[in-house]
Amino acid sequence: MDEALQARVGATPDVTLAYRAAVGTIRPIMRALTRQDWQGAQCLPARGGCVIAANHISHADPFAVAHFLFDNGHPPFFLGKASLFELPLLGRWLTACEQVPVHRGDGRAVEAFRDAVAAVGAGRCVVVMPESTITKDPLGWPMAGKTGAARMALQTGVPVLPLGQWGAQELLEPGGRFRPWGRPVMRMRL
């Protein structure tokens, strides 16, 4: 782990040891497999929580978005579908990294909102993908979003920052085909 990253990880007391280990493992992989074209990080708040509303184009989105946010001083906490948390290894890892499960279509859906509001209130950067699923548009355009990000911002008074991102679908296609050759560019526009 390079010194700048070590300082950033060490200066982030609100992340767990599992989170720090994930960053130390995944960040070098993302740097090796991808190139970055990031713009707008200056729009991130200097302190306090925020809600990031990002488009969803690939299963690699969380890694690309996390790379951008973490490298810009905002360790992200994602809302993710509960079925991921039920997978034996991945579920334990997501839980240990304090990510937020979303139980769709049942009475526990309100728990995700409550937990996300608490995280934002504690000064964390919470990432929401308002579409709640990978876009079905063949050209990758966003679908209609849900209102959770706006409701979180209204309840907590923190900003909602829209994040347009492109490139993760070139690393991992929506159908699941992994294509690391050529080091695709992860474009982030905040």
C-alpha atoms as a PDB file:
ATOM      1  CA  MET A   1       0.000   0.000   0.000  1.00  0.00           C
ATOM      2  CA  ASP A   2       1.509   3.392  -0.964  1.00  0.00           C
ATOM      3  CA  GLU A   3       2.148   6.039   1.705  1.00  0.00           C
ATOM      4  CA  ALA A   4      -0.581   8.423   0.545  1.00  0.00           C
ATOM      5  CA  LEU A   5      -3.183   5.661   0.619  1.00  0.00           C
ATOM      6  CA  GLN A   6      -1.895   4.395   3.978  1.00  0.00           C
ATOM      7  CA  ALA A   7      -2.248   7.901   5.413  1.00  0.00           C
ATOM      8  CA  ARG A   8      -5.783   8.218   3.994  1.00  0.00           C
ATOM      9  CA  VAL A   9      -6.850   4.786   5.257  1.00  0.00           C
ATOM     10  CA  GLY A  10      -5.226   5.384   8.627  1.00  0.00           C
ATOM     11  CA  ALA A  11      -6.921   8.783   8.890  1.00  0.00           C
ATOM     12  CA  THR A  12     -10.339   7.226   8.346  1.00  0.00           C
ATOM     13  CA  PRO A  13     -11.321   6.073  11.824  1.00  0.00           C
ATOM     14  CA  ASP A  14     -14.931   5.285  10.922  1.00  0.00           C
ATOM     15  CA  VAL A  15     -14.106   2.332   8.691  1.00  0.00           C
ATOM     16  CA  THR A  16     -13.641  -1.188   9.948  1.00  0.00           C
ATOM     17  CA  LEU A  17     -10.560  -3.339   9.629  1.00  0.00           C
ATOM     18  CA  ALA A  18     -12.433  -5.359   6.977  1.00  0.00           C
ATOM     19  CA  TYR A  19     -13.071  -2.148   5.028  1.00  0.00           C
ATOM     20  CA  ARG A  20      -9.397  -1.196   5.223  1.00  0.00           C
ATOM     21  CA  ALA A  21      -8.395  -4.678   4.042  1.00  0.00           C
ATOM     22  CA  ALA A  22     -10.852  -4.432   1.134  1.00  0.00           C
ATOM     23  CA  VAL A  23      -9.385  -1.085   0.069  1.00  0.00           C
ATOM     24  CA  GLY A  24      -5.859  -2.466   0.334  1.00  0.00           C
ATOM     25  CA  THR A  25      -6.836  -5.407  -1.872  1.00  0.00           C
ATOM     26  CA  ILE A  26      -9.233  -3.914  -4.418  1.00  0.00           C
ATOM     27  CA  ARG A  27      -7.646  -0.519  -5.047  1.00  0.00           C
ATOM     28  CA  PRO A  28      -4.406  -1.938  -6.529  1.00  0.00           C
ATOM     29  CA  ILE A  29      -6.455  -4.262  -8.736  1.00  0.00           C
ATOM     30  CA  MET A  30      -8.573  -1.365 -10.015  1.00  0.00           C
ATOM     31  CA  ARG A  31      -5.437   0.715 -10.684  1.00  0.00           C
ATOM     32  CA  ALA A  32      -3.872  -2.194 -12.597  1.00  0.00           C
ATOM     33  CA  LEU A  33      -6.987  -3.042 -14.651  1.00  0.00           C
ATOM     34  CA  THR A  34      -8.340   0.434 -15.379  1.00  0.00           C
ATOM     35  CA  ARG A  35      -7.424   4.003 -16.202  1.00  0.00           C
ATOM     36  CA  GLN A  36      -9.091   6.958 -14.531  1.00  0.00           C
ATOM     37  CA  ASP A  37     -10.701  10.064 -15.993  1.00  0.00           C
ATOM     38  CA  TRP A  38     -12.185  11.691 -12.912  1.00  0.00           C
ATOM     39  CA  GLN A  39     -13.720  15.163 -12.770  1.00  0.00           C
ATOM     40  CA  GLY A  40     -15.618  17.090 -10.131  1.00  0.00           C
ATOM     41  CA  ALA A  41     -14.088  15.772  -6.909  1.00  0.00           C
ATOM     42  CA  GLN A  42     -13.859  19.374  -5.720  1.00  0.00           C
ATOM     43  CA  CYS A  43     -17.674  19.257  -5.417  1.00  0.00           C
ATOM     44  CA  LEU A  44     -17.450  16.737  -2.574  1.00  0.00           C
ATOM     45  CA  PRO A  45     -18.066  18.351   0.821  1.00  0.00           C
ATOM     46  CA  ALA A  46     -14.951  19.133   2.845  1.00  0.00           C
ATOM     47  CA  ARG A  47     -16.543  17.468   5.867  1.00  0.00           C
ATOM     48  CA  GLY A  48     -19.726  15.778   6.933  1.00  0.00           C
ATOM     49  CA  GLY A  49     -21.974  13.304   5.201  1.00  0.00           C
ATOM     50  CA  CYS A  50     -23.339  13.324   1.702  1.00  0.00           C
ATOM     51  CA  VAL A  51     -25.482  11.219  -0.584  1.00  0.00           C
ATOM     52  CA  ILE A  52     -24.040  10.209  -3.943  1.00  0.00           C
ATOM     53  CA  ALA A  53     -26.608   9.259  -6.596  1.00  0.00           C
ATOM     54  CA  ALA A  54     -24.818   7.284  -9.331  1.00  0.00           C
ATOM     55  CA  ASN A  55     -26.065   5.625 -12.478  1.00  0.00           C
ATOM     56  CA  HIS A  56     -25.860   1.808 -12.576  1.00  0.00           C
ATOM     57  CA  ILE A  57     -24.419   0.210 -15.720  1.00  0.00           C
ATOM     58  CA  SER A  58     -22.448  -2.839 -14.529  1.00  0.00           C
ATOM     59  CA  HIS A  59     -21.732  -5.116 -11.598  1.00  0.00           C
ATOM     60  CA  ALA A  60     -18.317  -3.395 -11.546  1.00  0.00           C
ATOM     61  CA  ASP A  61     -19.903  -0.005 -10.710  1.00  0.00           C
ATOM     62  CA  PRO A  62     -19.398  -0.276  -6.947  1.00  0.00           C
ATOM     63  CA  PHE A  63     -15.674  -0.889  -7.417  1.00  0.00           C
ATOM     64  CA  ALA A  64     -15.234   2.004  -9.871  1.00  0.00           C
ATOM     65  CA  VAL A  65     -17.321   4.429  -7.796  1.00  0.00           C
ATOM     66  CA  ALA A  66     -15.635   3.332  -4.555  1.00  0.00           C
ATOM     67  CA  HIS A  67     -12.214   3.848  -6.118  1.00  0.00           C
ATOM     68  CA  PHE A  68     -13.127   7.417  -7.111  1.00  0.00           C
ATOM     69  CA  LEU A  69     -14.707   8.350  -3.784  1.00  0.00           C
ATOM     70  CA  PHE A  70     -12.133   6.714  -1.550  1.00  0.00           C
ATOM     71  CA  ASP A  71      -9.224   8.243  -3.440  1.00  0.00           C
ATOM     72  CA  ASN A  72     -10.899  11.617  -2.959  1.00  0.00           C
ATOM     73  CA  GLY A  73     -11.230  11.259   0.810  1.00  0.00           C
ATOM     74  CA  HIS A  74     -14.790   9.930   1.073  1.00  0.00           C
ATOM     75  CA  PRO A  75     -14.975   6.227   1.960  1.00  0.00           C
ATOM     76  CA  PRO A  76     -18.279   5.143   0.419  1.00  0.00           C
ATOM     77  CA  PHE A  77     -20.998   3.062   2.003  1.00  0.00           C
ATOM     78  CA  PHE A  78     -23.319   1.474  -0.533  1.00  0.00           C
ATOM     79  CA  LEU A  79     -26.923   0.401  -0.443  1.00  0.00           C
ATOM     80  CA  GLY A  80     -27.025  -3.043  -2.059  1.00  0.00           C
ATOM     81  CA  LYS A  81     -29.631  -5.680  -2.690  1.00  0.00           C
ATOM     82  CA  ALA A  82     -30.082  -7.990   0.283  1.00  0.00           C
ATOM     83  CA  SER A  83     -29.493 -11.141  -1.765  1.00  0.00           C
ATOM     84  CA  LEU A  84     -25.792 -10.179  -1.994  1.00  0.00           C
ATOM     85  CA  PHE A  85     -25.618 -10.196   1.800  1.00  0.00           C
ATOM     86  CA  GLU A  86     -26.974 -13.752   1.824  1.00  0.00           C
ATOM     87  CA  LEU A  87     -24.018 -15.138  -0.167  1.00  0.00           C
ATOM     88  CA  PRO A  88     -21.655 -16.957   2.232  1.00  0.00           C
ATOM     89  CA  LEU A  89     -18.344 -15.101   1.779  1.00  0.00           C
ATOM     90  CA  LEU A  90     -19.489 -11.940   0.033  1.00  0.00           C
ATOM     91  CA  GLY A  91     -22.300 -11.405   2.529  1.00  0.00           C
ATOM     92  CA  ARG A  92     -19.972 -11.613   5.516  1.00  0.00           C
ATOM     93  CA  TRP A  93     -17.523  -9.272   3.831  1.00  0.00           C
ATOM     94  CA  LEU A  94     -20.226  -6.697   2.952  1.00  0.00           C
ATOM     95  CA  THR A  95     -21.546  -6.826   6.497  1.00  0.00           C
ATOM     96  CA  ALA A  96     -18.057  -6.460   7.993  1.00  0.00           C
ATOM     97  CA  CYS A  97     -17.508  -3.435   5.719  1.00  0.00           C
ATOM     98  CA  GLU A  98     -20.786  -1.951   7.047  1.00  0.00           C
ATOM     99  CA  GLN A  99     -22.531  -1.752   3.705  1.00  0.00           C
ATOM    100  CA  VAL A 100     -26.339  -1.422   3.846  1.00  0.00           C
ATOM    101  CA  PRO A 101     -28.622  -4.267   2.681  1.00  0.00           C
ATOM    102  CA  VAL A 102     -31.838  -3.318   0.897  1.00  0.00           C
ATOM    103  CA  HIS A 103     -34.695  -5.789   1.295  1.00  0.00           C
ATOM    104  CA  ARG A 104     -36.853  -5.107  -1.726  1.00  0.00           C
ATOM    105  CA  GLY A 105     -40.557  -5.698  -1.715  1.00  0.00           C
ATOM    106  CA  ASP A 106     -41.028  -6.566   1.943  1.00  0.00           C
ATOM    107  CA  GLY A 107     -41.606  -4.761   5.223  1.00  0.00           C
ATOM    108  CA  ARG A 108     -37.882  -4.554   5.947  1.00  0.00           C
ATOM    109  CA  ALA A 109     -37.215  -2.089   3.106  1.00  0.00           C
ATOM    110  CA  VAL A 110     -37.573   0.762   5.611  1.00  0.00           C
ATOM    111  CA  GLU A 111     -34.554  -0.611   7.515  1.00  0.00           C
ATOM    112  CA  ALA A 112     -32.224   0.319   4.653  1.00  0.00           C
ATOM    113  CA  PHE A 113     -33.531   3.875   4.641  1.00  0.00           C
ATOM    114  CA  ARG A 114     -33.154   4.141   8.405  1.00  0.00           C
ATOM    115  CA  ASP A 115     -29.606   2.732   8.308  1.00  0.00           C
ATOM    116  CA  ALA A 116     -28.597   4.982   5.404  1.00  0.00           C
ATOM    117  CA  VAL A 117     -29.963   8.082   7.153  1.00  0.00           C
ATOM    118  CA  ALA A 118     -28.020   7.114  10.296  1.00  0.00           C
ATOM    119  CA  ALA A 119     -24.828   6.678   8.245  1.00  0.00           C
ATOM    120  CA  VAL A 120     -25.243  10.046   6.538  1.00  0.00           C
ATOM    121  CA  GLY A 121     -26.002  11.632   9.905  1.00  0.00           C
ATOM    122  CA  ALA A 122     -22.759  10.156  11.240  1.00  0.00           C
ATOM    123  CA  GLY A 123     -20.869  11.954   8.472  1.00  0.00           C
ATOM    124  CA  ARG A 124     -20.545   9.104   6.015  1.00  0.00           C
ATOM    125  CA  CYS A 125     -20.730   9.195   2.235  1.00  0.00           C
ATOM    126  CA  VAL A 126     -23.654   6.972   1.248  1.00  0.00           C
ATOM    127  CA  VAL A 127     -23.940   5.820  -2.364  1.00  0.00           C
ATOM    128  CA  VAL A 128     -27.342   5.151  -3.859  1.00  0.00           C
ATOM    129  CA  MET A 129     -28.008   3.909  -7.362  1.00  0.00           C
ATOM    130  CA  PRO A 130     -31.521   5.315  -7.767  1.00  0.00           C
ATOM    131  CA  GLU A 131     -32.422   2.895 -10.571  1.00  0.00           C
ATOM    132  CA  SER A 132     -32.056   0.042  -8.045  1.00  0.00           C
ATOM    133  CA  THR A 133     -30.776  -2.246 -10.785  1.00  0.00           C
ATOM    134  CA  ILE A 134     -28.444  -2.237 -13.761  1.00  0.00           C
ATOM    135  CA  THR A 135     -30.005  -0.265 -16.572  1.00  0.00           C
ATOM    136  CA  LYS A 136     -31.929  -2.279 -19.138  1.00  0.00           C
ATOM    137  CA  ASP A 137     -31.450   0.411 -21.782  1.00  0.00           C
ATOM    138  CA  PRO A 138     -29.357  -1.093 -24.614  1.00  0.00           C
ATOM    139  CA  LEU A 139     -27.319   2.131 -24.883  1.00  0.00           C
ATOM    140  CA  GLY A 140     -26.770   2.350 -21.121  1.00  0.00           C
ATOM    141  CA  TRP A 141     -28.992   5.346 -20.432  1.00  0.00           C
ATOM    142  CA  PRO A 142     -30.356   5.575 -16.889  1.00  0.00           C
ATOM    143  CA  MET A 143     -33.855   4.368 -16.193  1.00  0.00           C
ATOM    144  CA  ALA A 144     -36.361   6.104 -13.943  1.00  0.00           C
ATOM    145  CA  GLY A 145     -34.955   6.433 -10.450  1.00  0.00           C
ATOM    146  CA  LYS A 146     -36.521   5.915  -7.069  1.00  0.00           C
ATOM    147  CA  THR A 147     -36.791   8.731  -4.500  1.00  0.00           C
ATOM    148  CA  GLY A 148     -34.627   7.397  -1.645  1.00  0.00           C
ATOM    149  CA  ALA A 149     -31.618   9.656  -2.270  1.00  0.00           C
ATOM    150  CA  ALA A 150     -33.767  12.786  -2.256  1.00  0.00           C
ATOM    151  CA  ARG A 151     -35.631  11.635   0.843  1.00  0.00           C
ATOM    152  CA  MET A 152     -32.322  10.978   2.650  1.00  0.00           C
ATOM    153  CA  ALA A 153     -31.097  14.455   1.786  1.00  0.00           C
ATOM    154  CA  LEU A 154     -34.343  16.070   2.911  1.00  0.00           C
ATOM    155  CA  GLN A 155     -34.269  14.195   6.216  1.00  0.00           C
ATOM    156  CA  THR A 156     -30.599  14.880   6.976  1.00  0.00           C
ATOM    157  CA  GLY A 157     -29.957  18.233   5.273  1.00  0.00           C
ATOM    158  CA  VAL A 158     -26.904  16.913   3.406  1.00  0.00           C
ATOM    159  CA  PRO A 159     -26.302  17.446  -0.296  1.00  0.00           C
ATOM    160  CA  VAL A 160     -27.219  14.903  -2.960  1.00  0.00           C
ATOM    161  CA  LEU A 161     -24.435  14.811  -5.510  1.00  0.00           C
ATOM    162  CA  PRO A 162     -25.277  13.220  -8.870  1.00  0.00           C
ATOM    163  CA  LEU A 163     -22.419  11.096 -10.174  1.00  0.00           C
ATOM    164  CA  GLY A 164     -22.414  10.171 -13.833  1.00  0.00           C
ATOM    165  CA  GLN A 165     -20.046   7.303 -14.463  1.00  0.00           C
ATOM    166  CA  TRP A 166     -19.107   5.341 -17.554  1.00  0.00           C
ATOM    167  CA  GLY A 167     -16.583   2.623 -18.276  1.00  0.00           C
ATOM    168  CA  ALA A 168     -17.379  -0.049 -15.709  1.00  0.00           C
ATOM    169  CA  GLN A 169     -19.488  -1.816 -18.369  1.00  0.00           C
ATOM    170  CA  GLU A 170     -16.344  -2.089 -20.478  1.00  0.00           C
ATOM    171  CA  LEU A 171     -14.577  -3.920 -17.636  1.00  0.00           C
ATOM    172  CA  LEU A 172     -17.503  -6.163 -16.738  1.00  0.00           C
ATOM    173  CA  GLU A 173     -20.340  -6.284 -19.240  1.00  0.00           C
ATOM    174  CA  PRO A 174     -23.895  -6.385 -17.868  1.00  0.00           C
ATOM    175  CA  GLY A 175     -24.131 -10.015 -19.026  1.00  0.00           C
ATOM    176  CA  GLY A 176     -21.149 -10.889 -16.860  1.00  0.00           C
ATOM    177  CA  ARG A 177     -18.305 -11.098 -19.402  1.00  0.00           C
ATOM    178  CA  PHE A 178     -15.050  -9.792 -17.842  1.00  0.00           C
ATOM    179  CA  ARG A 179     -12.895  -7.763 -20.267  1.00  0.00           C
ATOM    180  CA  PRO A 180      -9.834  -6.245 -18.541  1.00  0.00           C
ATOM    181  CA  TRP A 181      -7.679  -6.013 -21.681  1.00  0.00           C
ATOM    182  CA  GLY A 182      -6.942  -2.504 -22.879  1.00  0.00           C
ATOM    183  CA  ARG A 183      -7.382  -1.056 -19.388  1.00  0.00           C
ATOM    184  CA  PRO A 184     -10.808   0.545 -19.881  1.00  0.00           C
ATOM    185  CA  VAL A 185     -11.204   4.138 -18.714  1.00  0.00           C
ATOM    186  CA  MET A 186     -13.406   4.718 -15.660  1.00  0.00           C
ATOM    187  CA  ARG A 187     -15.007   8.127 -16.253  1.00  0.00           C
ATOM    188  CA  MET A 188     -16.494   9.908 -13.253  1.00  0.00           C
ATOM    189  CA  ARG A 189     -18.342  13.229 -13.519  1.00  0.00           C
ATOM    190  CA  LEU A 190     -19.533  14.726 -10.252  1.00  0.00           C
END
